[in-house]
Amino acid sequence: MIKIKCDKKCHKKDVENMFQVIIRLISVIIILIGVILIYDSRILTKRFFGFGDQNEATSGLKIIGFIATIVGALVIYFVK
């Protein structure tokens, strides 16, 4: 077994890098959900909502998807 000597700074740096990777992965998943909401909003509206005005529900899902995509992209941009 190989033992690597490392001080507390090294462990802190590793934890920060892992935190950044996890946050970026979560952001990519949020972007993916947003894009799915934008492109499949009509199908999702027909499947999950049974009320008459599907156009408003479709536009609402598209707006939510757009906001989710922007939030995910901003998180990726600002996490360093």
N, C-alpha and C. Protein backbone atom coordinates (compact mmCIF):
# COMPACT_ATOMS: atom_id res chain seq x y z
N MET A 1 0.84 -1.17 0.00
CA MET A 1 0.00 0.00 0.00
C MET A 1 0.89 1.24 0.00
N ILE A 2 0.56 2.18 -0.83
CA ILE A 2 1.33 3.41 -0.95
C ILE A 2 0.70 4.46 -0.06
N LYS A 3 1.51 5.07 0.76
CA LYS A 3 1.03 6.14 1.62
C LYS A 3 1.52 7.46 1.07
N ILE A 4 0.61 8.39 0.91
CA ILE A 4 0.95 9.71 0.39
C ILE A 4 0.86 10.70 1.55
N LYS A 5 1.95 11.40 1.76
CA LYS A 5 1.94 12.41 2.80
C LYS A 5 1.33 13.69 2.25
N CYS A 6 0.39 14.21 2.98
CA CYS A 6 -0.28 15.42 2.53
C CYS A 6 -0.70 16.21 3.76
N ASP A 7 -0.52 17.51 3.70
CA ASP A 7 -0.91 18.35 4.82
C ASP A 7 -2.38 18.74 4.70
N LYS A 8 -2.86 19.53 5.63
CA LYS A 8 -4.28 19.92 5.66
C LYS A 8 -4.66 20.78 4.46
N LYS A 9 -3.73 21.54 3.91
CA LYS A 9 -4.02 22.37 2.74
C LYS A 9 -4.37 21.51 1.54
N CYS A 10 -3.67 20.40 1.41
CA CYS A 10 -3.93 19.50 0.28
C CYS A 10 -5.33 18.91 0.39
N HIS A 11 -5.74 18.49 1.58
CA HIS A 11 -7.07 17.93 1.76
C HIS A 11 -8.15 18.98 1.53
N LYS A 12 -7.90 20.19 1.98
CA LYS A 12 -8.87 21.26 1.78
C LYS A 12 -9.03 21.57 0.30
N LYS A 13 -7.92 21.54 -0.44
CA LYS A 13 -7.98 21.80 -1.87
C LYS A 13 -8.74 20.69 -2.60
N ASP A 14 -8.53 19.44 -2.16
CA ASP A 14 -9.25 18.32 -2.76
C ASP A 14 -10.74 18.42 -2.51
N VAL A 15 -11.11 18.83 -1.30
CA VAL A 15 -12.53 18.97 -0.97
C VAL A 15 -13.16 20.09 -1.80
N GLU A 16 -12.45 21.18 -1.97
CA GLU A 16 -12.96 22.29 -2.80
C GLU A 16 -13.13 21.86 -4.25
N ASN A 17 -12.18 21.11 -4.78
CA ASN A 17 -12.29 20.64 -6.16
C ASN A 17 -13.47 19.68 -6.32
N MET A 18 -13.65 18.79 -5.35
CA MET A 18 -14.77 17.86 -5.42
C MET A 18 -16.10 18.59 -5.30
N PHE A 19 -16.16 19.61 -4.46
CA PHE A 19 -17.37 20.42 -4.32
C PHE A 19 -17.71 21.10 -5.64
N GLN A 20 -16.70 21.63 -6.32
CA GLN A 20 -16.93 22.28 -7.62
C GLN A 20 -17.43 21.29 -8.66
N VAL A 21 -16.88 20.09 -8.66
CA VAL A 21 -17.32 19.08 -9.62
C VAL A 21 -18.77 18.69 -9.35
N ILE A 22 -19.13 18.51 -8.09
CA ILE A 22 -20.50 18.14 -7.74
C ILE A 22 -21.48 19.25 -8.11
N ILE A 23 -21.13 20.50 -7.83
CA ILE A 23 -22.00 21.62 -8.16
C ILE A 23 -22.17 21.73 -9.67
N ARG A 24 -21.11 21.52 -10.42
CA ARG A 24 -21.21 21.58 -11.89
C ARG A 24 -22.08 20.46 -12.44
N LEU A 25 -21.97 19.27 -11.87
CA LEU A 25 -22.82 18.17 -12.32
C LEU A 25 -24.30 18.45 -12.03
N ILE A 26 -24.58 18.99 -10.86
CA ILE A 26 -25.96 19.35 -10.52
C ILE A 26 -26.46 20.43 -11.48
N SER A 27 -25.60 21.38 -11.82
CA SER A 27 -25.98 22.45 -12.75
C SER A 27 -26.28 21.89 -14.15
N VAL A 28 -25.48 20.94 -14.59
CA VAL A 28 -25.73 20.33 -15.90
C VAL A 28 -27.06 19.58 -15.89
N ILE A 29 -27.39 18.93 -14.78
CA ILE A 29 -28.68 18.24 -14.67
C ILE A 29 -29.82 19.25 -14.70
N ILE A 30 -29.65 20.39 -14.03
CA ILE A 30 -30.68 21.44 -14.06
C ILE A 30 -30.86 21.97 -15.48
N ILE A 31 -29.76 22.18 -16.19
CA ILE A 31 -29.85 22.64 -17.59
C ILE A 31 -30.57 21.59 -18.44
N LEU A 32 -30.24 20.33 -18.23
CA LEU A 32 -30.89 19.26 -18.99
C LEU A 32 -32.39 19.22 -18.73
N ILE A 33 -32.80 19.37 -17.49
CA ILE A 33 -34.23 19.40 -17.16
C ILE A 33 -34.90 20.61 -17.81
N GLY A 34 -34.22 21.75 -17.80
CA GLY A 34 -34.77 22.95 -18.44
C GLY A 34 -34.97 22.78 -19.93
N VAL A 35 -34.00 22.17 -20.59
CA VAL A 35 -34.11 21.95 -22.03
C VAL A 35 -35.22 20.96 -22.35
N ILE A 36 -35.35 19.92 -21.52
CA ILE A 36 -36.44 18.96 -21.72
C ILE A 36 -37.79 19.63 -21.53
N LEU A 37 -37.90 20.51 -20.54
CA LEU A 37 -39.16 21.24 -20.34
C LEU A 37 -39.48 22.13 -21.53
N ILE A 38 -38.47 22.73 -22.13
CA ILE A 38 -38.72 23.61 -23.27
C ILE A 38 -39.19 22.81 -24.49
N TYR A 39 -38.47 21.74 -24.82
CA TYR A 39 -38.77 21.02 -26.06
C TYR A 39 -39.97 20.08 -25.95
N ASP A 40 -40.22 19.52 -24.79
CA ASP A 40 -41.31 18.56 -24.63
C ASP A 40 -42.48 19.12 -23.84
N SER A 41 -42.64 20.42 -23.82
CA SER A 41 -43.69 21.01 -22.99
C SER A 41 -45.08 20.62 -23.46
N ARG A 42 -45.29 20.53 -24.74
CA ARG A 42 -46.62 20.15 -25.27
C ARG A 42 -46.96 18.71 -24.88
N ILE A 43 -46.00 17.81 -25.01
CA ILE A 43 -46.22 16.41 -24.66
C ILE A 43 -46.45 16.26 -23.16
N LEU A 44 -45.64 16.96 -22.36
CA LEU A 44 -45.80 16.89 -20.91
C LEU A 44 -47.12 17.48 -20.46
N THR A 45 -47.58 18.53 -21.12
CA THR A 45 -48.86 19.14 -20.77
C THR A 45 -50.01 18.18 -21.06
N LYS A 46 -49.96 17.52 -22.19
CA LYS A 46 -51.01 16.56 -22.52
C LYS A 46 -51.01 15.37 -21.56
N ARG A 47 -49.83 14.95 -21.12
CA ARG A 47 -49.72 13.77 -20.28
C ARG A 47 -50.12 14.05 -18.82
N PHE A 48 -49.70 15.17 -18.25
CA PHE A 48 -49.86 15.40 -16.83
C PHE A 48 -51.00 16.33 -16.45
N PHE A 49 -51.42 17.19 -17.34
CA PHE A 49 -52.48 18.14 -17.01
C PHE A 49 -53.71 17.82 -17.84
N GLY A 50 -54.87 17.86 -17.19
CA GLY A 50 -56.08 17.51 -17.89
C GLY A 50 -57.03 18.66 -18.11
N PHE A 51 -56.61 19.87 -17.82
CA PHE A 51 -57.54 20.99 -17.98
C PHE A 51 -57.54 21.47 -19.43
N GLY A 52 -58.53 22.32 -19.74
CA GLY A 52 -58.81 22.67 -21.12
C GLY A 52 -57.76 23.51 -21.81
N ASP A 53 -57.23 24.53 -21.16
CA ASP A 53 -56.33 25.46 -21.84
C ASP A 53 -54.90 24.95 -21.76
N GLN A 54 -54.49 24.20 -22.76
CA GLN A 54 -53.15 23.63 -22.76
C GLN A 54 -52.11 24.62 -23.25
N ASN A 55 -52.54 25.66 -23.97
CA ASN A 55 -51.57 26.64 -24.46
C ASN A 55 -50.92 27.41 -23.32
N GLU A 56 -51.70 27.78 -22.31
CA GLU A 56 -51.11 28.50 -21.17
C GLU A 56 -50.19 27.59 -20.37
N ALA A 57 -50.58 26.34 -20.20
CA ALA A 57 -49.72 25.41 -19.47
C ALA A 57 -48.43 25.13 -20.23
N THR A 58 -48.53 25.05 -21.54
CA THR A 58 -47.35 24.83 -22.37
C THR A 58 -46.39 26.01 -22.28
N SER A 59 -46.93 27.22 -22.38
CA SER A 59 -46.06 28.39 -22.27
C SER A 59 -45.48 28.51 -20.87
N GLY A 60 -46.25 28.13 -19.86
CA GLY A 60 -45.72 28.14 -18.49
C GLY A 60 -44.57 27.17 -18.32
N LEU A 61 -44.69 25.97 -18.87
CA LEU A 61 -43.59 25.00 -18.78
C LEU A 61 -42.37 25.49 -19.56
N LYS A 62 -42.59 26.13 -20.68
CA LYS A 62 -41.46 26.67 -21.45
C LYS A 62 -40.74 27.77 -20.68
N ILE A 63 -41.50 28.62 -20.00
CA ILE A 63 -40.89 29.69 -19.20
C ILE A 63 -40.10 29.10 -18.04
N ILE A 64 -40.67 28.09 -17.36
CA ILE A 64 -39.97 27.44 -16.25
C ILE A 64 -38.69 26.77 -16.76
N GLY A 65 -38.77 26.12 -17.92
CA GLY A 65 -37.59 25.49 -18.50
C GLY A 65 -36.52 26.49 -18.87
N PHE A 66 -36.93 27.63 -19.40
CA PHE A 66 -35.97 28.68 -19.76
C PHE A 66 -35.28 29.22 -18.51
N ILE A 67 -36.04 29.46 -17.47
CA ILE A 67 -35.46 29.97 -16.22
C ILE A 67 -34.51 28.94 -15.61
N ALA A 68 -34.89 27.65 -15.62
CA ALA A 68 -34.02 26.61 -15.09
C ALA A 68 -32.72 26.51 -15.88
N THR A 69 -32.81 26.65 -17.19
CA THR A 69 -31.61 26.60 -18.02
C THR A 69 -30.68 27.78 -17.73
N ILE A 70 -31.24 28.96 -17.58
CA ILE A 70 -30.42 30.14 -17.28
C ILE A 70 -29.77 30.02 -15.90
N VAL A 71 -30.54 29.55 -14.91
CA VAL A 71 -29.98 29.39 -13.56
C VAL A 71 -28.83 28.38 -13.57
N GLY A 72 -29.02 27.25 -14.23
CA GLY A 72 -27.96 26.25 -14.31
C GLY A 72 -26.71 26.78 -15.00
N ALA A 73 -26.90 27.54 -16.07
CA ALA A 73 -25.75 28.11 -16.78
C ALA A 73 -25.03 29.15 -15.94
N LEU A 74 -25.78 29.95 -15.20
CA LEU A 74 -25.15 30.95 -14.33
C LEU A 74 -24.35 30.29 -13.20
N VAL A 75 -24.87 29.21 -12.66
CA VAL A 75 -24.14 28.51 -11.60
C VAL A 75 -22.83 27.95 -12.15
N ILE A 76 -22.87 27.37 -13.34
CA ILE A 76 -21.63 26.86 -13.94
C ILE A 76 -20.65 28.00 -14.20
N TYR A 77 -21.17 29.14 -14.63
CA TYR A 77 -20.30 30.27 -14.95
C TYR A 77 -19.63 30.84 -13.71
N PHE A 78 -20.36 30.92 -12.60
CA PHE A 78 -19.81 31.59 -11.42
C PHE A 78 -19.09 30.67 -10.45
N VAL A 79 -19.21 29.37 -10.57
CA VAL A 79 -18.46 28.46 -9.69
C VAL A 79 -17.05 28.30 -10.25
N LYS A 80 -16.09 28.68 -9.42
CA LYS A 80 -14.70 28.59 -9.86
C LYS A 80 -13.89 27.77 -8.91
